[in-house]
Amino acid sequence: MTLAVLCEHAPTGEAHPTPYGVSAPLAAQAWGFACAPAYADPRATLHALHERGVTHVWLAENVAALSPLLEVGDWLIPDDYIDGTRGQHYTFFSEQAGGYVQQVPAFDPASRAALLTAAVAVAPRPFRRGVYACVSRDRLETPAEALFWGRAGAHIVGRTLSPFLTLARERQMAVAVLAHIGRMGGEPAAVAVQWGSFAAVLEAAWTQIQPT
């Protein structure tokens, strides 16, 4: 098994040519790859990861809180999501008719369980469930949009999950999210956790996933 972590501040790596263009840079790690998705075609990045044997794709992201139960500095491992993006490449099979990718459960249960256990090292009470609303990568949400997504049932809002989740599932990869609350929805950024803080939790969680 091999893990790929998508993170805003991942170490610099090497980009790879694919049928969908050049992938985002992939930084080799002891457990697999770290990648900052940037603005490469998501299909290219997922294709490059799949070619390198990746079985699990985890997202590590600083997000905004939409729920009054969440505070800056909290950690959350969501169990569902809302896709509010548009105009992206959501499938590898756009030339084919029919078919769908199962979305129940929304995230891999084994990955979520491992991340929850590992997150205790950085937070006394990581939140065990919540709904992640994904919005455009091009900008932060407005205050009105934060209110809208909160009323729609979302607890956090981020910008990276889609379309990587559906693309990864089309390649039969297990997907999960480790979210850090860096600000309140509709407000400027407050506290952004860097790669090093995420890495400790991710590495501990990945150890639990490994077969004995």
N, C-alpha and C. Protein backbone atom coordinates (compact mmCIF):
# COMPACT_ATOMS: atom_id res chain seq x y z
N MET A 1 0.83 -1.19 0.00
CA MET A 1 0.00 0.00 0.00
C MET A 1 0.88 1.26 0.00
N THR A 2 0.39 2.30 -0.67
CA THR A 2 1.15 3.55 -0.78
C THR A 2 0.20 4.71 -0.56
N LEU A 3 0.67 5.70 0.19
CA LEU A 3 -0.14 6.87 0.54
C LEU A 3 0.30 8.10 -0.24
N ALA A 4 -0.67 8.91 -0.66
CA ALA A 4 -0.40 10.24 -1.21
C ALA A 4 -1.17 11.24 -0.38
N VAL A 5 -0.50 12.31 0.04
CA VAL A 5 -1.14 13.36 0.84
C VAL A 5 -1.18 14.64 0.03
N LEU A 6 -2.36 15.20 -0.12
CA LEU A 6 -2.53 16.50 -0.78
C LEU A 6 -2.56 17.56 0.31
N CYS A 7 -1.67 18.54 0.21
CA CYS A 7 -1.54 19.55 1.26
C CYS A 7 -1.11 20.87 0.63
N GLU A 8 -1.61 21.97 1.17
CA GLU A 8 -1.29 23.30 0.62
C GLU A 8 0.20 23.60 0.64
N HIS A 9 0.90 23.13 1.67
CA HIS A 9 2.31 23.47 1.85
C HIS A 9 3.19 22.23 1.83
N ALA A 10 2.91 21.31 0.91
CA ALA A 10 3.70 20.09 0.81
C ALA A 10 5.12 20.40 0.32
N PRO A 11 6.09 19.54 0.64
CA PRO A 11 7.46 19.74 0.14
C PRO A 11 7.49 19.76 -1.38
N THR A 12 8.48 20.45 -1.93
CA THR A 12 8.63 20.54 -3.38
C THR A 12 9.07 19.20 -3.94
N GLY A 13 8.46 18.79 -5.04
CA GLY A 13 8.81 17.51 -5.67
C GLY A 13 8.98 17.65 -7.16
N GLU A 14 8.79 16.53 -7.86
CA GLU A 14 9.01 16.48 -9.31
C GLU A 14 7.69 16.26 -10.03
N ALA A 15 7.44 17.08 -11.06
CA ALA A 15 6.24 16.92 -11.88
C ALA A 15 6.46 15.81 -12.90
N HIS A 16 5.36 15.20 -13.38
CA HIS A 16 5.46 14.07 -14.30
C HIS A 16 4.49 14.25 -15.47
N PRO A 17 4.93 13.95 -16.69
CA PRO A 17 4.03 14.04 -17.84
C PRO A 17 3.00 12.91 -17.82
N THR A 18 1.78 13.22 -18.22
CA THR A 18 0.70 12.22 -18.29
C THR A 18 -0.14 12.52 -19.53
N PRO A 19 -1.08 11.63 -19.88
CA PRO A 19 -1.98 11.92 -21.00
C PRO A 19 -2.86 13.14 -20.78
N TYR A 20 -2.93 13.63 -19.54
CA TYR A 20 -3.78 14.78 -19.20
C TYR A 20 -2.96 16.04 -18.97
N GLY A 21 -1.70 16.01 -19.35
CA GLY A 21 -0.81 17.13 -19.10
C GLY A 21 0.18 16.80 -18.00
N VAL A 22 0.90 17.80 -17.56
CA VAL A 22 1.92 17.59 -16.52
C VAL A 22 1.27 17.63 -15.15
N SER A 23 1.62 16.67 -14.29
CA SER A 23 1.05 16.61 -12.95
C SER A 23 1.61 17.72 -12.07
N ALA A 24 0.98 17.91 -10.93
CA ALA A 24 1.56 18.75 -9.89
C ALA A 24 2.81 18.05 -9.37
N PRO A 25 3.79 18.77 -8.81
CA PRO A 25 4.99 18.13 -8.30
C PRO A 25 4.68 17.13 -7.18
N LEU A 26 5.28 15.95 -7.27
CA LEU A 26 5.10 14.89 -6.28
C LEU A 26 6.40 14.75 -5.49
N ALA A 27 6.33 14.96 -4.20
CA ALA A 27 7.52 14.86 -3.34
C ALA A 27 7.54 13.47 -2.70
N ALA A 28 8.58 12.69 -2.98
CA ALA A 28 8.69 11.34 -2.44
C ALA A 28 8.89 11.39 -0.92
N GLN A 29 8.14 10.54 -0.23
CA GLN A 29 8.25 10.40 1.22
C GLN A 29 8.47 8.92 1.54
N ALA A 30 8.82 8.62 2.79
CA ALA A 30 9.05 7.23 3.18
C ALA A 30 7.80 6.38 2.98
N TRP A 31 6.63 7.01 3.14
CA TRP A 31 5.36 6.27 3.04
C TRP A 31 4.68 6.46 1.69
N GLY A 32 5.23 7.29 0.81
CA GLY A 32 4.59 7.51 -0.47
C GLY A 32 4.92 8.87 -1.06
N PHE A 33 3.92 9.75 -1.18
CA PHE A 33 4.12 11.03 -1.84
C PHE A 33 3.35 12.14 -1.12
N ALA A 34 3.92 13.34 -1.15
CA ALA A 34 3.23 14.54 -0.71
C ALA A 34 3.10 15.46 -1.93
N CYS A 35 1.97 16.14 -2.01
CA CYS A 35 1.71 16.93 -3.22
C CYS A 35 0.89 18.16 -2.88
N ALA A 36 1.32 19.32 -3.37
CA ALA A 36 0.50 20.53 -3.33
C ALA A 36 -0.19 20.63 -4.69
N PRO A 37 -1.50 20.40 -4.76
CA PRO A 37 -2.18 20.27 -6.06
C PRO A 37 -2.00 21.44 -7.00
N ALA A 38 -1.87 22.66 -6.48
CA ALA A 38 -1.67 23.85 -7.31
C ALA A 38 -2.73 23.90 -8.41
N TYR A 39 -2.31 24.28 -9.63
CA TYR A 39 -3.28 24.44 -10.70
C TYR A 39 -3.06 23.48 -11.86
N ALA A 40 -2.38 22.37 -11.60
CA ALA A 40 -2.27 21.32 -12.60
C ALA A 40 -3.64 20.66 -12.77
N ASP A 41 -3.87 20.05 -13.93
CA ASP A 41 -5.11 19.31 -14.15
C ASP A 41 -5.19 18.20 -13.10
N PRO A 42 -6.25 18.15 -12.29
CA PRO A 42 -6.36 17.11 -11.27
C PRO A 42 -6.25 15.70 -11.83
N ARG A 43 -6.72 15.50 -13.06
CA ARG A 43 -6.62 14.17 -13.67
C ARG A 43 -5.16 13.79 -13.88
N ALA A 44 -4.32 14.77 -14.25
CA ALA A 44 -2.91 14.48 -14.45
C ALA A 44 -2.25 14.06 -13.13
N THR A 45 -2.56 14.79 -12.06
CA THR A 45 -1.97 14.47 -10.77
C THR A 45 -2.42 13.11 -10.27
N LEU A 46 -3.72 12.81 -10.36
CA LEU A 46 -4.21 11.52 -9.90
C LEU A 46 -3.70 10.38 -10.78
N HIS A 47 -3.59 10.63 -12.08
CA HIS A 47 -3.05 9.61 -12.98
C HIS A 47 -1.60 9.29 -12.61
N ALA A 48 -0.80 10.33 -12.35
CA ALA A 48 0.60 10.12 -11.97
C ALA A 48 0.70 9.35 -10.66
N LEU A 49 -0.16 9.65 -9.70
CA LEU A 49 -0.15 8.94 -8.43
C LEU A 49 -0.56 7.48 -8.61
N HIS A 50 -1.57 7.27 -9.43
CA HIS A 50 -2.04 5.89 -9.68
C HIS A 50 -0.95 5.07 -10.35
N GLU A 51 -0.23 5.66 -11.29
CA GLU A 51 0.86 4.95 -11.96
C GLU A 51 1.96 4.56 -10.99
N ARG A 52 2.08 5.27 -9.90
CA ARG A 52 3.13 5.00 -8.91
C ARG A 52 2.63 4.15 -7.75
N GLY A 53 1.49 3.52 -7.95
CA GLY A 53 1.01 2.54 -6.99
C GLY A 53 0.29 3.10 -5.78
N VAL A 54 -0.17 4.33 -5.83
CA VAL A 54 -0.86 4.92 -4.69
C VAL A 54 -2.21 4.23 -4.48
N THR A 55 -2.47 3.84 -3.24
CA THR A 55 -3.73 3.18 -2.88
C THR A 55 -4.62 4.06 -2.01
N HIS A 56 -4.03 5.04 -1.32
CA HIS A 56 -4.77 5.93 -0.43
C HIS A 56 -4.42 7.38 -0.73
N VAL A 57 -5.44 8.22 -0.82
CA VAL A 57 -5.24 9.66 -1.01
C VAL A 57 -5.88 10.37 0.17
N TRP A 58 -5.05 11.03 0.98
CA TRP A 58 -5.54 11.80 2.12
C TRP A 58 -5.32 13.28 1.87
N LEU A 59 -6.28 14.07 2.26
CA LEU A 59 -6.19 15.52 2.14
C LEU A 59 -5.89 16.11 3.51
N ALA A 60 -4.86 16.93 3.60
CA ALA A 60 -4.52 17.65 4.84
C ALA A 60 -4.66 19.13 4.55
N GLU A 61 -5.64 19.78 5.16
CA GLU A 61 -5.97 21.14 4.74
C GLU A 61 -6.37 22.04 5.91
N ASN A 62 -5.95 23.30 5.83
CA ASN A 62 -6.47 24.34 6.71
C ASN A 62 -7.81 24.80 6.13
N VAL A 63 -8.85 24.72 6.92
CA VAL A 63 -10.20 25.04 6.44
C VAL A 63 -10.82 26.12 7.32
N ALA A 64 -12.02 26.55 6.94
CA ALA A 64 -12.78 27.53 7.73
C ALA A 64 -13.94 26.84 8.41
N ALA A 65 -14.25 27.27 9.63
CA ALA A 65 -15.37 26.71 10.39
C ALA A 65 -16.67 27.40 10.01
N LEU A 66 -17.72 26.59 9.84
CA LEU A 66 -19.06 27.11 9.60
C LEU A 66 -19.98 26.86 10.78
N SER A 67 -19.59 25.95 11.67
CA SER A 67 -20.39 25.60 12.83
C SER A 67 -19.94 26.39 14.05
N PRO A 68 -20.87 26.86 14.88
CA PRO A 68 -20.49 27.57 16.10
C PRO A 68 -19.83 26.66 17.13
N LEU A 69 -19.89 25.35 16.91
CA LEU A 69 -19.24 24.41 17.83
C LEU A 69 -17.74 24.33 17.59
N LEU A 70 -17.27 24.85 16.45
CA LEU A 70 -15.86 24.76 16.10
C LEU A 70 -15.15 26.08 16.39
N GLU A 71 -13.88 25.96 16.78
CA GLU A 71 -13.06 27.12 17.05
C GLU A 71 -11.75 27.01 16.28
N VAL A 72 -11.09 28.14 16.08
CA VAL A 72 -9.78 28.14 15.44
C VAL A 72 -8.83 27.29 16.28
N GLY A 73 -8.12 26.39 15.62
CA GLY A 73 -7.22 25.48 16.31
C GLY A 73 -7.77 24.08 16.47
N ASP A 74 -9.08 23.89 16.25
CA ASP A 74 -9.67 22.56 16.33
C ASP A 74 -9.25 21.71 15.13
N TRP A 75 -9.34 20.39 15.30
CA TRP A 75 -9.09 19.43 14.23
C TRP A 75 -10.35 18.62 14.00
N LEU A 76 -10.61 18.26 12.76
CA LEU A 76 -11.83 17.54 12.42
C LEU A 76 -11.55 16.55 11.30
N ILE A 77 -12.13 15.36 11.41
CA ILE A 77 -12.03 14.36 10.36
C ILE A 77 -13.45 14.16 9.82
N PRO A 78 -13.80 14.80 8.69
CA PRO A 78 -15.18 14.77 8.19
C PRO A 78 -15.62 13.38 7.75
N ASP A 79 -16.95 13.18 7.81
CA ASP A 79 -17.51 11.90 7.36
C ASP A 79 -18.44 12.07 6.16
N ASP A 80 -18.60 13.31 5.68
CA ASP A 80 -19.43 13.54 4.50
C ASP A 80 -18.99 14.85 3.85
N TYR A 81 -19.51 15.14 2.67
CA TYR A 81 -19.10 16.36 1.98
C TYR A 81 -20.19 16.86 1.05
N ILE A 82 -20.08 18.14 0.71
CA ILE A 82 -20.91 18.78 -0.30
C ILE A 82 -19.98 19.37 -1.33
N ASP A 83 -20.22 19.09 -2.60
CA ASP A 83 -19.38 19.64 -3.66
C ASP A 83 -20.05 20.89 -4.24
N GLY A 84 -19.49 22.05 -3.92
CA GLY A 84 -20.03 23.31 -4.43
C GLY A 84 -19.21 23.88 -5.57
N THR A 85 -18.30 23.07 -6.14
CA THR A 85 -17.47 23.55 -7.24
C THR A 85 -18.18 23.36 -8.58
N ARG A 86 -17.62 23.95 -9.60
CA ARG A 86 -18.16 23.78 -10.95
C ARG A 86 -17.07 24.06 -11.97
N GLY A 87 -17.26 23.50 -13.16
CA GLY A 87 -16.33 23.76 -14.27
C GLY A 87 -15.01 23.06 -14.17
N GLN A 88 -14.93 21.93 -13.41
CA GLN A 88 -13.68 21.21 -13.30
C GLN A 88 -13.77 19.86 -14.02
N HIS A 89 -12.66 19.14 -14.04
CA HIS A 89 -12.64 17.81 -14.63
C HIS A 89 -12.96 16.80 -13.52
N TYR A 90 -14.17 16.27 -13.52
CA TYR A 90 -14.63 15.44 -12.42
C TYR A 90 -14.50 13.94 -12.68
N THR A 91 -14.15 13.54 -13.90
CA THR A 91 -14.11 12.13 -14.21
C THR A 91 -13.04 11.83 -15.26
N PHE A 92 -12.54 10.60 -15.21
CA PHE A 92 -11.63 10.11 -16.25
C PHE A 92 -12.41 9.56 -17.44
N PHE A 93 -13.74 9.45 -17.30
CA PHE A 93 -14.54 8.74 -18.30
C PHE A 93 -15.53 9.67 -19.01
N SER A 94 -15.11 10.89 -19.30
CA SER A 94 -16.00 11.86 -19.93
C SER A 94 -16.41 11.44 -21.34
N GLU A 95 -15.64 10.54 -21.96
CA GLU A 95 -15.97 10.10 -23.32
C GLU A 95 -16.93 8.92 -23.32
N GLN A 96 -17.30 8.42 -22.15
CA GLN A 96 -18.16 7.26 -22.06
C GLN A 96 -19.49 7.63 -21.43
N ALA A 97 -20.54 6.90 -21.79
CA ALA A 97 -21.87 7.16 -21.25
C ALA A 97 -22.15 6.22 -20.09
N GLY A 98 -22.96 6.72 -19.12
CA GLY A 98 -23.39 5.88 -18.01
C GLY A 98 -22.31 5.68 -16.97
N GLY A 99 -22.72 4.95 -15.92
CA GLY A 99 -21.77 4.64 -14.85
C GLY A 99 -21.76 5.71 -13.77
N TYR A 100 -21.33 5.32 -12.59
CA TYR A 100 -21.21 6.27 -11.49
C TYR A 100 -20.27 5.68 -10.46
N VAL A 101 -19.79 6.53 -9.56
CA VAL A 101 -18.91 6.11 -8.48
C VAL A 101 -19.71 6.15 -7.19
N GLN A 102 -19.72 5.06 -6.46
CA GLN A 102 -20.45 4.98 -5.20
C GLN A 102 -19.91 6.01 -4.20
N GLN A 103 -20.81 6.72 -3.51
CA GLN A 103 -20.41 7.76 -2.57
C GLN A 103 -20.83 7.45 -1.13
N VAL A 104 -21.18 6.20 -0.86
CA VAL A 104 -21.57 5.81 0.48
C VAL A 104 -20.70 4.62 0.92
N PRO A 105 -19.86 4.80 1.94
CA PRO A 105 -19.64 6.03 2.70
C PRO A 105 -18.82 7.04 1.90
N ALA A 106 -18.92 8.30 2.28
CA ALA A 106 -18.23 9.35 1.53
C ALA A 106 -16.72 9.22 1.63
N PHE A 107 -16.21 8.75 2.79
CA PHE A 107 -14.77 8.61 3.00
C PHE A 107 -14.46 7.20 3.51
N ASP A 108 -13.22 6.78 3.34
CA ASP A 108 -12.80 5.44 3.74
C ASP A 108 -12.84 5.30 5.26
N PRO A 109 -13.65 4.37 5.80
CA PRO A 109 -13.78 4.24 7.26
C PRO A 109 -12.47 3.90 7.96
N ALA A 110 -11.66 3.03 7.39
CA ALA A 110 -10.39 2.65 8.02
C ALA A 110 -9.44 3.84 8.10
N SER A 111 -9.39 4.65 7.05
CA SER A 111 -8.53 5.84 7.05
C SER A 111 -9.01 6.85 8.08
N ARG A 112 -10.32 7.05 8.16
CA ARG A 112 -10.88 7.99 9.14
C ARG A 112 -10.56 7.54 10.56
N ALA A 113 -10.71 6.26 10.84
CA ALA A 113 -10.44 5.75 12.18
C ALA A 113 -8.98 5.96 12.57
N ALA A 114 -8.08 5.72 11.62
CA ALA A 114 -6.65 5.90 11.90
C ALA A 114 -6.32 7.36 12.13
N LEU A 115 -6.90 8.26 11.33
CA LEU A 115 -6.63 9.69 11.50
C LEU A 115 -7.19 10.21 12.83
N LEU A 116 -8.35 9.71 13.23
CA LEU A 116 -8.92 10.13 14.51
C LEU A 116 -8.03 9.72 15.67
N THR A 117 -7.53 8.50 15.64
CA THR A 117 -6.65 8.03 16.70
C THR A 117 -5.37 8.85 16.75
N ALA A 118 -4.79 9.10 15.60
CA ALA A 118 -3.52 9.84 15.54
C ALA A 118 -3.70 11.31 15.89
N ALA A 119 -4.86 11.89 15.60
CA ALA A 119 -5.08 13.32 15.84
C ALA A 119 -5.12 13.67 17.32
N VAL A 120 -5.31 12.68 18.18
CA VAL A 120 -5.32 12.94 19.62
C VAL A 120 -3.97 13.52 20.07
N ALA A 121 -2.91 13.25 19.32
CA ALA A 121 -1.58 13.77 19.68
C ALA A 121 -1.50 15.28 19.53
N VAL A 122 -2.33 15.87 18.69
CA VAL A 122 -2.27 17.32 18.47
C VAL A 122 -3.50 18.05 19.01
N ALA A 123 -4.54 17.30 19.37
CA ALA A 123 -5.77 17.92 19.86
C ALA A 123 -6.41 17.01 20.89
N PRO A 124 -6.81 17.54 22.04
CA PRO A 124 -7.42 16.69 23.06
C PRO A 124 -8.77 16.12 22.65
N ARG A 125 -9.44 16.82 21.73
CA ARG A 125 -10.76 16.35 21.30
C ARG A 125 -10.97 16.60 19.80
N PRO A 126 -10.30 15.86 18.95
CA PRO A 126 -10.57 16.03 17.52
C PRO A 126 -12.02 15.65 17.22
N PHE A 127 -12.65 16.42 16.36
CA PHE A 127 -14.05 16.16 16.04
C PHE A 127 -14.17 14.95 15.13
N ARG A 128 -15.04 14.03 15.49
CA ARG A 128 -15.13 12.73 14.85
C ARG A 128 -15.96 12.73 13.58
N ARG A 129 -16.75 13.74 13.36
CA ARG A 129 -17.57 13.79 12.15
C ARG A 129 -17.92 15.23 11.81
N GLY A 130 -18.31 15.43 10.57
CA GLY A 130 -18.68 16.75 10.11
C GLY A 130 -18.79 16.73 8.60
N VAL A 131 -19.43 17.73 8.05
CA VAL A 131 -19.63 17.83 6.60
C VAL A 131 -18.70 18.90 6.04
N TYR A 132 -17.93 18.52 5.04
CA TYR A 132 -16.97 19.42 4.36
C TYR A 132 -17.63 19.95 3.10
N ALA A 133 -17.76 21.27 2.98
CA ALA A 133 -18.24 21.90 1.75
C ALA A 133 -17.03 22.37 0.96
N CYS A 134 -16.93 21.94 -0.28
CA CYS A 134 -15.80 22.34 -1.12
C CYS A 134 -16.23 23.44 -2.07
N VAL A 135 -15.45 24.53 -2.09
CA VAL A 135 -15.74 25.66 -2.97
C VAL A 135 -14.57 25.86 -3.93
N SER A 136 -14.65 26.86 -4.76
CA SER A 136 -13.65 27.12 -5.79
C SER A 136 -12.26 27.32 -5.20
N ARG A 137 -11.25 26.83 -5.91
CA ARG A 137 -9.86 27.03 -5.48
C ARG A 137 -9.39 28.46 -5.72
N ASP A 138 -10.13 29.23 -6.50
CA ASP A 138 -9.66 30.54 -6.94
C ASP A 138 -9.80 31.65 -5.89
N ARG A 139 -10.66 31.44 -4.89
CA ARG A 139 -10.87 32.50 -3.90
C ARG A 139 -11.48 31.90 -2.64
N LEU A 140 -11.44 32.69 -1.56
CA LEU A 140 -12.13 32.30 -0.34
C LEU A 140 -13.62 32.63 -0.47
N GLU A 141 -14.40 31.99 0.37
CA GLU A 141 -15.84 32.22 0.35
C GLU A 141 -16.19 33.59 0.94
N THR A 142 -17.29 34.16 0.51
CA THR A 142 -17.78 35.42 1.07
C THR A 142 -18.55 35.13 2.36
N PRO A 143 -18.81 36.14 3.20
CA PRO A 143 -19.62 35.91 4.40
C PRO A 143 -21.00 35.33 4.06
N ALA A 144 -21.61 35.81 2.98
CA ALA A 144 -22.93 35.28 2.61
C ALA A 144 -22.82 33.81 2.19
N GLU A 145 -21.76 33.46 1.48
CA GLU A 145 -21.58 32.06 1.07
C GLU A 145 -21.32 31.18 2.28
N ALA A 146 -20.57 31.67 3.25
CA ALA A 146 -20.34 30.90 4.48
C ALA A 146 -21.66 30.62 5.18
N LEU A 147 -22.52 31.62 5.25
CA LEU A 147 -23.84 31.45 5.86
C LEU A 147 -24.67 30.44 5.07
N PHE A 148 -24.60 30.53 3.74
CA PHE A 148 -25.35 29.63 2.87
C PHE A 148 -24.94 28.18 3.09
N TRP A 149 -23.62 27.91 3.07
CA TRP A 149 -23.16 26.53 3.21
C TRP A 149 -23.43 26.00 4.61
N GLY A 150 -23.36 26.87 5.62
CA GLY A 150 -23.70 26.44 6.96
C GLY A 150 -25.16 26.02 7.06
N ARG A 151 -26.05 26.79 6.44
CA ARG A 151 -27.47 26.44 6.44
C ARG A 151 -27.74 25.19 5.61
N ALA A 152 -26.87 24.91 4.64
CA ALA A 152 -27.03 23.72 3.82
C ALA A 152 -26.59 22.45 4.55
N GLY A 153 -25.97 22.62 5.72
CA GLY A 153 -25.58 21.45 6.51
C GLY A 153 -24.10 21.23 6.64
N ALA A 154 -23.28 22.13 6.08
CA ALA A 154 -21.82 21.96 6.17
C ALA A 154 -21.30 22.51 7.48
N HIS A 155 -20.22 21.88 7.99
CA HIS A 155 -19.58 22.34 9.22
C HIS A 155 -18.25 23.05 8.96
N ILE A 156 -17.61 22.71 7.84
CA ILE A 156 -16.36 23.36 7.45
C ILE A 156 -16.39 23.62 5.96
N VAL A 157 -15.56 24.57 5.51
CA VAL A 157 -15.48 24.86 4.08
C VAL A 157 -14.00 24.88 3.68
N GLY A 158 -13.69 24.17 2.60
CA GLY A 158 -12.33 24.10 2.08
C GLY A 158 -12.33 24.23 0.57
N ARG A 159 -11.13 24.09 -0.04
CA ARG A 159 -11.02 24.38 -1.47
C ARG A 159 -10.32 23.28 -2.27
N THR A 160 -9.98 22.16 -1.63
CA THR A 160 -9.12 21.19 -2.31
C THR A 160 -9.78 19.85 -2.60
N LEU A 161 -10.80 19.49 -1.87
CA LEU A 161 -11.35 18.13 -1.95
C LEU A 161 -11.81 17.74 -3.35
N SER A 162 -12.55 18.63 -4.00
CA SER A 162 -13.09 18.32 -5.33
C SER A 162 -12.24 18.97 -6.42
N PRO A 163 -11.98 18.25 -7.52
CA PRO A 163 -12.53 16.94 -7.89
C PRO A 163 -11.62 15.77 -7.54
N PHE A 164 -10.65 15.97 -6.64
CA PHE A 164 -9.71 14.89 -6.35
C PHE A 164 -10.39 13.67 -5.77
N LEU A 165 -11.44 13.88 -4.94
CA LEU A 165 -12.10 12.74 -4.32
C LEU A 165 -12.70 11.80 -5.36
N THR A 166 -13.52 12.34 -6.26
CA THR A 166 -14.17 11.47 -7.23
C THR A 166 -13.16 10.85 -8.20
N LEU A 167 -12.15 11.60 -8.59
CA LEU A 167 -11.13 11.05 -9.47
C LEU A 167 -10.37 9.91 -8.79
N ALA A 168 -10.04 10.09 -7.52
CA ALA A 168 -9.33 9.03 -6.79
C ALA A 168 -10.21 7.80 -6.66
N ARG A 169 -11.49 7.98 -6.42
CA ARG A 169 -12.38 6.83 -6.27
C ARG A 169 -12.55 6.09 -7.59
N GLU A 170 -12.48 6.81 -8.71
CA GLU A 170 -12.53 6.12 -10.00
C GLU A 170 -11.31 5.23 -10.20
N ARG A 171 -10.23 5.52 -9.51
CA ARG A 171 -9.01 4.69 -9.56
C ARG A 171 -8.93 3.76 -8.35
N GLN A 172 -10.07 3.63 -7.65
CA GLN A 172 -10.20 2.71 -6.51
C GLN A 172 -9.21 3.01 -5.39
N MET A 173 -8.96 4.29 -5.16
CA MET A 173 -8.13 4.73 -4.05
C MET A 173 -9.02 5.08 -2.86
N ALA A 174 -8.52 4.83 -1.65
CA ALA A 174 -9.24 5.18 -0.43
C ALA A 174 -8.97 6.64 -0.09
N VAL A 175 -10.03 7.39 0.24
CA VAL A 175 -9.90 8.84 0.44
C VAL A 175 -10.34 9.22 1.86
N ALA A 176 -9.62 10.16 2.47
CA ALA A 176 -10.00 10.71 3.78
C ALA A 176 -9.43 12.11 3.90
N VAL A 177 -9.92 12.86 4.91
CA VAL A 177 -9.51 14.25 5.10
C VAL A 177 -9.12 14.50 6.56
N LEU A 178 -7.98 15.15 6.74
CA LEU A 178 -7.57 15.67 8.05
C LEU A 178 -7.64 17.18 7.96
N ALA A 179 -8.61 17.78 8.66
CA ALA A 179 -8.86 19.22 8.54
C ALA A 179 -8.48 19.95 9.82
N HIS A 180 -7.78 21.07 9.66
CA HIS A 180 -7.44 21.95 10.77
C HIS A 180 -8.21 23.26 10.60
N ILE A 181 -8.87 23.71 11.65
CA ILE A 181 -9.64 24.95 11.58
C ILE A 181 -8.68 26.12 11.71
N GLY A 182 -8.46 26.83 10.60
CA GLY A 182 -7.53 27.95 10.59
C GLY A 182 -8.19 29.31 10.68
N ARG A 183 -9.53 29.35 10.48
CA ARG A 183 -10.24 30.62 10.52
C ARG A 183 -11.73 30.32 10.59
N MET A 184 -12.52 31.34 10.81
CA MET A 184 -13.97 31.20 10.78
C MET A 184 -14.47 31.52 9.37
N GLY A 185 -15.54 30.90 8.95
CA GLY A 185 -16.05 31.08 7.61
C GLY A 185 -16.39 32.52 7.29
N GLY A 186 -16.00 32.99 6.10
CA GLY A 186 -16.27 34.35 5.69
C GLY A 186 -15.35 35.38 6.32
N GLU A 187 -14.28 34.90 6.99
CA GLU A 187 -13.34 35.82 7.63
C GLU A 187 -11.93 35.56 7.10
N PRO A 188 -11.00 36.52 7.28
CA PRO A 188 -9.62 36.30 6.84
C PRO A 188 -8.96 35.17 7.62
N ALA A 189 -7.89 34.63 7.05
CA ALA A 189 -7.16 33.54 7.71
C ALA A 189 -6.61 33.99 9.05
N ALA A 190 -6.63 33.08 10.03
CA ALA A 190 -6.12 33.38 11.36
C ALA A 190 -4.89 32.56 11.67
N VAL A 191 -5.02 31.23 11.71
CA VAL A 191 -3.91 30.36 12.06
C VAL A 191 -3.82 29.25 11.02
N ALA A 192 -2.75 29.23 10.24
CA ALA A 192 -2.55 28.19 9.23
C ALA A 192 -1.46 27.24 9.70
N VAL A 193 -1.79 25.96 9.78
CA VAL A 193 -0.82 24.94 10.16
C VAL A 193 -0.02 24.54 8.94
N GLN A 194 1.29 24.41 9.11
CA GLN A 194 2.17 24.06 8.00
C GLN A 194 2.33 22.54 7.89
N TRP A 195 3.08 22.12 6.87
CA TRP A 195 3.22 20.71 6.56
C TRP A 195 3.73 19.89 7.74
N GLY A 196 4.69 20.42 8.49
CA GLY A 196 5.29 19.67 9.59
C GLY A 196 4.28 19.23 10.64
N SER A 197 3.32 20.09 10.97
CA SER A 197 2.32 19.75 11.97
C SER A 197 1.37 18.68 11.46
N PHE A 198 1.00 18.75 10.19
CA PHE A 198 0.17 17.71 9.60
C PHE A 198 0.92 16.38 9.54
N ALA A 199 2.21 16.44 9.20
CA ALA A 199 2.99 15.24 8.93
C ALA A 199 3.01 14.28 10.11
N ALA A 200 3.14 14.81 11.33
CA ALA A 200 3.20 13.94 12.50
C ALA A 200 1.93 13.11 12.64
N VAL A 201 0.78 13.73 12.42
CA VAL A 201 -0.49 13.01 12.52
C VAL A 201 -0.63 12.01 11.37
N LEU A 202 -0.28 12.44 10.17
CA LEU A 202 -0.42 11.58 9.00
C LEU A 202 0.47 10.34 9.11
N GLU A 203 1.69 10.53 9.55
CA GLU A 203 2.60 9.39 9.67
C GLU A 203 2.12 8.40 10.72
N ALA A 204 1.62 8.91 11.85
CA ALA A 204 1.10 8.03 12.89
C ALA A 204 -0.13 7.27 12.41
N ALA A 205 -1.00 7.95 11.67
CA ALA A 205 -2.20 7.30 11.14
C ALA A 205 -1.84 6.24 10.11
N TRP A 206 -0.87 6.55 9.26
CA TRP A 206 -0.49 5.59 8.20
C TRP A 206 0.10 4.33 8.79
N THR A 207 0.79 4.44 9.91
CA THR A 207 1.35 3.27 10.60
C THR A 207 0.23 2.31 11.01
N GLN A 208 -0.92 2.86 11.40
CA GLN A 208 -2.05 2.03 11.81
C GLN A 208 -2.69 1.32 10.62
N ILE A 209 -2.60 1.91 9.44
CA ILE A 209 -3.22 1.34 8.24
C ILE A 209 -2.42 0.15 7.71
N GLN A 210 -1.11 0.15 7.95
CA GLN A 210 -0.24 -0.87 7.37
C GLN A 210 -0.64 -2.27 7.84
N PRO A 211 -0.65 -3.24 6.92
CA PRO A 211 -0.97 -4.62 7.32
C PRO A 211 0.08 -5.19 8.25
N THR A 212 -0.36 -6.01 9.18
CA THR A 212 0.56 -6.61 10.13
C THR A 212 1.13 -7.94 9.61
